N, C-alpha and C. Protein backbone atom coordinates (compact mmCIF):
# COMPACT_ATOMS: atom_id res chain seq x y z
N MET A 1 0.85 -1.22 -0.02
CA MET A 1 -0.02 0.05 -0.02
C MET A 1 0.89 1.30 -0.01
N GLU A 2 2.03 1.21 0.69
CA GLU A 2 2.94 2.43 0.74
C GLU A 2 3.49 2.66 -0.57
N LYS A 3 3.85 1.64 -1.36
CA LYS A 3 4.39 1.86 -2.72
C LYS A 3 3.52 2.54 -3.60
N ILE A 4 2.15 2.32 -3.50
CA ILE A 4 1.22 3.05 -4.38
C ILE A 4 1.07 4.52 -3.91
N THR A 5 1.25 4.77 -2.68
CA THR A 5 1.10 6.15 -2.15
C THR A 5 2.41 6.87 -2.53
N ILE A 6 3.43 6.33 -2.39
CA ILE A 6 4.71 6.93 -2.84
C ILE A 6 4.79 7.12 -4.43
N ALA A 7 4.39 6.12 -5.11
CA ALA A 7 4.34 6.27 -6.59
C ALA A 7 3.38 7.42 -6.98
N GLY A 8 2.24 7.56 -6.25
CA GLY A 8 1.27 8.56 -6.63
C GLY A 8 1.82 9.86 -6.29
N LEU A 9 2.55 10.01 -5.12
CA LEU A 9 3.17 11.30 -4.67
C LEU A 9 4.19 11.66 -5.66
N ILE A 10 5.01 10.73 -6.19
CA ILE A 10 6.09 11.02 -7.19
C ILE A 10 5.41 11.48 -8.45
N ALA A 11 4.33 10.84 -8.90
CA ALA A 11 3.61 11.32 -10.09
C ALA A 11 3.07 12.67 -9.92
N ILE A 12 2.56 12.99 -8.79
CA ILE A 12 2.00 14.41 -8.64
C ILE A 12 3.07 15.37 -8.61
N VAL A 13 4.29 15.08 -8.02
CA VAL A 13 5.35 16.03 -8.01
C VAL A 13 5.89 16.22 -9.38
N ALA A 14 5.93 15.22 -10.17
CA ALA A 14 6.44 15.21 -11.54
C ALA A 14 5.47 16.14 -12.42
N ILE A 15 4.21 15.86 -12.23
CA ILE A 15 3.22 16.67 -13.07
C ILE A 15 3.36 18.12 -12.71
N VAL A 16 3.48 18.49 -11.43
CA VAL A 16 3.58 19.81 -11.04
C VAL A 16 4.84 20.46 -11.51
N ALA A 17 5.96 19.73 -11.48
CA ALA A 17 7.20 20.24 -12.00
C ALA A 17 7.13 20.53 -13.45
N VAL A 18 6.46 19.64 -14.24
CA VAL A 18 6.33 19.84 -15.69
C VAL A 18 5.46 21.09 -15.93
N VAL A 19 4.44 21.28 -15.16
CA VAL A 19 3.58 22.46 -15.34
C VAL A 19 4.30 23.74 -15.13
N MET A 20 5.02 23.69 -13.97
CA MET A 20 5.79 24.91 -13.68
C MET A 20 6.83 25.23 -14.73
N LEU A 21 7.49 24.30 -15.15
CA LEU A 21 8.57 24.46 -16.12
C LEU A 21 7.95 24.92 -17.43
N ALA A 22 6.78 24.42 -17.82
CA ALA A 22 6.10 24.80 -19.10
C ALA A 22 5.75 26.28 -19.07
N GLY A 23 5.51 26.84 -17.82
CA GLY A 23 5.17 28.25 -17.63
C GLY A 23 6.38 29.14 -17.83
N CYS A 24 7.56 28.55 -17.61
CA CYS A 24 8.84 29.27 -17.62
C CYS A 24 9.38 29.42 -19.06
N ILE A 25 8.88 28.46 -19.96
CA ILE A 25 9.44 28.44 -21.34
C ILE A 25 8.93 29.73 -21.94
N GLU A 26 9.89 30.51 -22.61
CA GLU A 26 9.53 31.64 -23.32
C GLU A 26 8.73 31.48 -24.59
N GLU A 27 7.68 32.04 -24.65
CA GLU A 27 6.88 31.92 -25.88
C GLU A 27 6.87 33.19 -26.52
N GLU A 28 6.26 33.29 -27.65
CA GLU A 28 6.08 34.54 -28.43
C GLU A 28 5.29 35.52 -27.56
N GLU A 29 5.66 36.77 -27.48
CA GLU A 29 5.09 37.72 -26.57
C GLU A 29 3.67 37.91 -26.89
N ARG A 30 2.76 37.76 -25.89
CA ARG A 30 1.36 37.94 -26.15
C ARG A 30 1.04 39.44 -25.88
N SER A 31 0.23 39.97 -26.76
CA SER A 31 -0.23 41.37 -26.42
C SER A 31 -1.59 41.28 -25.66
N VAL A 32 -1.57 42.09 -24.64
CA VAL A 32 -2.82 42.24 -23.79
C VAL A 32 -3.56 43.35 -24.32
N PRO A 33 -4.86 43.19 -24.68
CA PRO A 33 -5.59 44.26 -25.24
C PRO A 33 -5.90 45.35 -24.13
N THR A 34 -5.84 46.50 -24.55
CA THR A 34 -6.04 47.58 -23.60
C THR A 34 -7.43 48.17 -23.85
N PRO A 35 -8.07 48.78 -22.98
CA PRO A 35 -9.44 49.30 -23.18
C PRO A 35 -9.56 50.12 -24.54
N THR A 36 -8.49 50.97 -24.89
CA THR A 36 -8.68 51.80 -26.05
C THR A 36 -8.39 50.98 -27.29
N SER A 37 -7.62 49.86 -27.20
CA SER A 37 -7.40 49.13 -28.41
C SER A 37 -8.48 48.15 -28.74
N MET A 38 -9.34 47.87 -27.70
CA MET A 38 -10.51 47.03 -27.93
C MET A 38 -11.62 47.78 -28.60
N ILE A 39 -11.76 49.11 -28.52
CA ILE A 39 -12.79 49.78 -29.23
C ILE A 39 -12.34 50.33 -30.62
N THR A 40 -13.10 49.81 -31.54
CA THR A 40 -12.79 50.21 -32.89
C THR A 40 -13.98 51.03 -33.44
N PRO A 41 -13.75 52.30 -33.86
CA PRO A 41 -14.95 53.06 -34.32
C PRO A 41 -15.57 52.38 -35.60
N SER A 42 -16.80 52.46 -35.68
CA SER A 42 -17.57 51.97 -36.79
C SER A 42 -17.51 53.05 -37.95
N PRO A 43 -17.16 52.53 -39.12
CA PRO A 43 -17.06 53.47 -40.23
C PRO A 43 -18.37 54.31 -40.52
N THR A 44 -19.48 53.72 -40.08
CA THR A 44 -20.70 54.37 -40.40
C THR A 44 -21.22 55.14 -39.14
N ALA A 45 -20.52 55.14 -37.97
CA ALA A 45 -20.96 55.79 -36.79
C ALA A 45 -21.02 57.31 -37.02
N THR A 46 -22.03 57.99 -36.70
CA THR A 46 -22.20 59.38 -36.68
C THR A 46 -22.84 59.88 -35.42
N LEU A 47 -22.40 60.92 -35.08
CA LEU A 47 -22.98 61.62 -33.85
C LEU A 47 -24.16 62.44 -34.27
N THR A 48 -25.25 62.14 -33.51
CA THR A 48 -26.55 62.90 -33.78
C THR A 48 -26.64 64.11 -32.87
N PRO A 49 -27.10 65.19 -33.31
CA PRO A 49 -27.08 66.39 -32.56
C PRO A 49 -28.36 66.21 -31.54
N PRO A 50 -28.27 66.87 -30.44
CA PRO A 50 -29.36 66.69 -29.39
C PRO A 50 -30.62 67.27 -30.03
N PRO A 51 -31.81 66.73 -29.54
CA PRO A 51 -32.97 67.18 -30.09
C PRO A 51 -33.29 68.66 -29.75
N GLU A 52 -34.06 69.38 -30.44
CA GLU A 52 -34.38 70.68 -30.25
C GLU A 52 -35.22 70.85 -28.96
N THR A 53 -34.80 71.72 -28.14
CA THR A 53 -35.61 71.87 -26.89
C THR A 53 -36.45 73.15 -26.92
N THR A 54 -37.53 73.11 -26.15
CA THR A 54 -38.40 74.31 -26.09
C THR A 54 -38.77 74.48 -24.58
N SER A 55 -38.78 75.68 -24.17
CA SER A 55 -39.20 76.03 -22.80
C SER A 55 -40.71 76.31 -22.78
N ALA A 56 -41.29 75.95 -21.68
CA ALA A 56 -42.74 76.09 -21.51
C ALA A 56 -43.04 76.37 -19.90
N ILE A 57 -44.12 77.06 -19.72
CA ILE A 57 -44.53 77.24 -18.42
C ILE A 57 -45.79 76.33 -18.05
N VAL A 58 -45.61 75.67 -16.97
CA VAL A 58 -46.71 74.63 -16.59
C VAL A 58 -47.73 75.50 -15.78
N SER A 59 -48.95 75.39 -16.26
CA SER A 59 -50.09 76.07 -15.61
C SER A 59 -50.88 75.13 -14.75
N GLU A 60 -50.89 73.81 -15.01
CA GLU A 60 -51.73 72.93 -14.18
C GLU A 60 -51.17 71.45 -14.31
N VAL A 61 -51.20 70.81 -13.17
CA VAL A 61 -50.95 69.36 -13.21
C VAL A 61 -52.25 68.62 -13.26
N ILE A 62 -52.48 67.85 -14.33
CA ILE A 62 -53.80 67.20 -14.52
C ILE A 62 -53.78 65.81 -13.70
N ASP A 63 -52.66 65.10 -13.82
CA ASP A 63 -52.61 63.93 -12.94
C ASP A 63 -51.00 63.56 -12.92
N GLY A 64 -50.65 62.48 -12.46
CA GLY A 64 -49.31 62.11 -12.16
C GLY A 64 -48.41 62.09 -13.54
N ASP A 65 -48.94 62.04 -14.63
CA ASP A 65 -48.24 61.89 -15.91
C ASP A 65 -48.65 62.87 -17.01
N THR A 66 -49.55 63.83 -16.67
CA THR A 66 -50.07 64.72 -17.65
C THR A 66 -50.09 66.13 -17.02
N ILE A 67 -49.57 67.15 -17.87
CA ILE A 67 -49.51 68.53 -17.42
C ILE A 67 -50.22 69.38 -18.43
N LYS A 68 -50.72 70.55 -18.07
CA LYS A 68 -51.26 71.55 -18.95
C LYS A 68 -50.23 72.81 -19.04
N LEU A 69 -49.92 73.19 -20.23
CA LEU A 69 -48.96 74.30 -20.32
C LEU A 69 -49.88 75.70 -20.36
N GLN A 70 -49.13 76.72 -20.20
CA GLN A 70 -49.77 78.06 -20.13
C GLN A 70 -50.44 78.38 -21.52
N ASN A 71 -49.99 77.77 -22.60
CA ASN A 71 -50.62 78.06 -23.88
C ASN A 71 -51.86 77.22 -24.12
N GLY A 72 -52.17 76.27 -23.09
CA GLY A 72 -53.32 75.46 -23.15
C GLY A 72 -53.05 74.03 -23.69
N GLU A 73 -51.90 73.85 -24.16
CA GLU A 73 -51.47 72.52 -24.71
C GLU A 73 -51.41 71.56 -23.56
N ARG A 74 -51.95 70.29 -23.72
CA ARG A 74 -51.71 69.20 -22.75
C ARG A 74 -50.56 68.28 -23.21
N VAL A 75 -49.60 68.05 -22.17
CA VAL A 75 -48.55 67.26 -22.50
C VAL A 75 -48.55 65.95 -21.52
N ARG A 76 -48.41 64.84 -22.21
CA ARG A 76 -48.34 63.57 -21.45
C ARG A 76 -46.85 63.19 -21.46
N LEU A 77 -46.29 62.84 -20.24
CA LEU A 77 -44.87 62.47 -20.17
C LEU A 77 -44.68 61.12 -20.54
N LEU A 78 -43.67 60.98 -21.58
CA LEU A 78 -43.37 59.61 -22.09
C LEU A 78 -42.68 58.75 -21.00
N GLY A 79 -42.99 57.51 -20.97
CA GLY A 79 -42.21 56.54 -20.21
C GLY A 79 -42.71 56.60 -18.79
N ILE A 80 -43.80 57.50 -18.44
CA ILE A 80 -44.30 57.58 -17.06
C ILE A 80 -45.72 57.01 -17.12
N ASN A 81 -46.08 56.10 -16.26
CA ASN A 81 -47.42 55.62 -16.13
C ASN A 81 -47.85 55.71 -14.67
N THR A 82 -48.64 56.55 -14.39
CA THR A 82 -49.15 56.69 -12.91
C THR A 82 -50.59 56.42 -12.88
N PRO A 83 -51.21 56.21 -11.66
CA PRO A 83 -52.59 55.87 -11.43
C PRO A 83 -53.53 56.95 -11.96
N GLU A 84 -54.63 56.63 -12.54
CA GLU A 84 -55.58 57.59 -13.01
C GLU A 84 -56.56 57.93 -11.81
N LYS A 85 -57.32 59.02 -11.97
CA LYS A 85 -58.18 59.56 -10.93
C LYS A 85 -59.09 58.32 -10.49
N GLY A 86 -59.16 58.20 -9.17
CA GLY A 86 -59.98 57.17 -8.49
C GLY A 86 -59.11 55.95 -8.13
N GLN A 87 -57.94 55.79 -8.68
CA GLN A 87 -57.19 54.67 -8.38
C GLN A 87 -56.20 54.97 -7.17
N PRO A 88 -55.70 53.93 -6.51
CA PRO A 88 -54.85 54.09 -5.33
C PRO A 88 -53.61 54.87 -5.78
N TYR A 89 -53.15 55.81 -4.98
CA TYR A 89 -51.89 56.50 -5.14
C TYR A 89 -52.05 57.67 -6.27
N TYR A 90 -53.28 57.96 -6.67
CA TYR A 90 -53.34 58.93 -7.64
C TYR A 90 -53.00 60.33 -7.10
N GLU A 91 -53.46 60.62 -5.85
CA GLU A 91 -53.08 61.80 -5.22
C GLU A 91 -51.65 61.96 -5.00
N GLU A 92 -50.98 60.94 -4.53
CA GLU A 92 -49.51 61.01 -4.35
C GLU A 92 -48.72 61.28 -5.57
N ALA A 93 -49.07 60.60 -6.71
CA ALA A 93 -48.46 60.85 -7.97
C ALA A 93 -48.66 62.18 -8.56
N THR A 94 -49.86 62.72 -8.44
CA THR A 94 -50.24 64.04 -8.85
C THR A 94 -49.47 65.10 -8.00
N ASN A 95 -49.43 65.00 -6.64
CA ASN A 95 -48.69 65.95 -5.85
C ASN A 95 -47.15 65.83 -6.15
N ARG A 96 -46.63 64.75 -6.48
CA ARG A 96 -45.20 64.59 -6.83
C ARG A 96 -44.88 65.42 -8.07
N LEU A 97 -45.74 65.23 -9.08
CA LEU A 97 -45.46 65.98 -10.29
C LEU A 97 -45.80 67.50 -10.11
N ASN A 98 -46.69 67.82 -9.27
CA ASN A 98 -46.90 69.11 -8.91
C ASN A 98 -45.62 69.78 -8.35
N MET A 99 -45.11 69.07 -7.33
CA MET A 99 -43.78 69.66 -6.73
C MET A 99 -42.70 69.78 -7.72
N ALA A 100 -42.57 68.89 -8.68
CA ALA A 100 -41.54 68.98 -9.66
C ALA A 100 -41.73 69.99 -10.72
N THR A 101 -42.89 70.49 -10.93
CA THR A 101 -43.12 71.39 -12.08
C THR A 101 -43.71 72.81 -11.55
N ILE A 102 -44.97 72.84 -11.20
CA ILE A 102 -45.46 74.08 -10.88
C ILE A 102 -44.81 74.88 -9.79
N ARG A 103 -44.33 74.19 -8.77
CA ARG A 103 -43.76 74.96 -7.62
C ARG A 103 -42.35 75.52 -8.12
N ARG A 104 -41.83 74.93 -9.15
CA ARG A 104 -40.57 75.50 -9.81
C ARG A 104 -40.89 76.51 -10.85
N GLY A 105 -42.15 76.45 -11.54
CA GLY A 105 -42.50 77.43 -12.47
C GLY A 105 -42.18 77.06 -13.91
N PHE A 106 -41.57 75.89 -14.05
CA PHE A 106 -41.16 75.46 -15.40
C PHE A 106 -41.19 73.98 -15.53
N ILE A 107 -40.93 73.55 -16.77
CA ILE A 107 -40.75 72.06 -17.02
C ILE A 107 -39.42 71.92 -17.66
């Protein structure tokens, strides 16, 4: 039984030695990509100018995702979905939009 254990131990030591020596053998130098070399600009990439902006004065908050401007135009906020009148949290959503717009006087 001891001979198998010693033979196994010798095999493990030999494998470890081979692996360590293999790591020391000089190979062709590998280049490590840097963050800037990994980014290649697309030949068709173009920068788009920011969308045109317009200022307006909020005259009324209709609900949590809809406002009325001073010129009478109603604006629904994209990507915002809040409870409608009569639903839970309607008042909270409306008050929050009110604090963000009318109390500041602009949108």
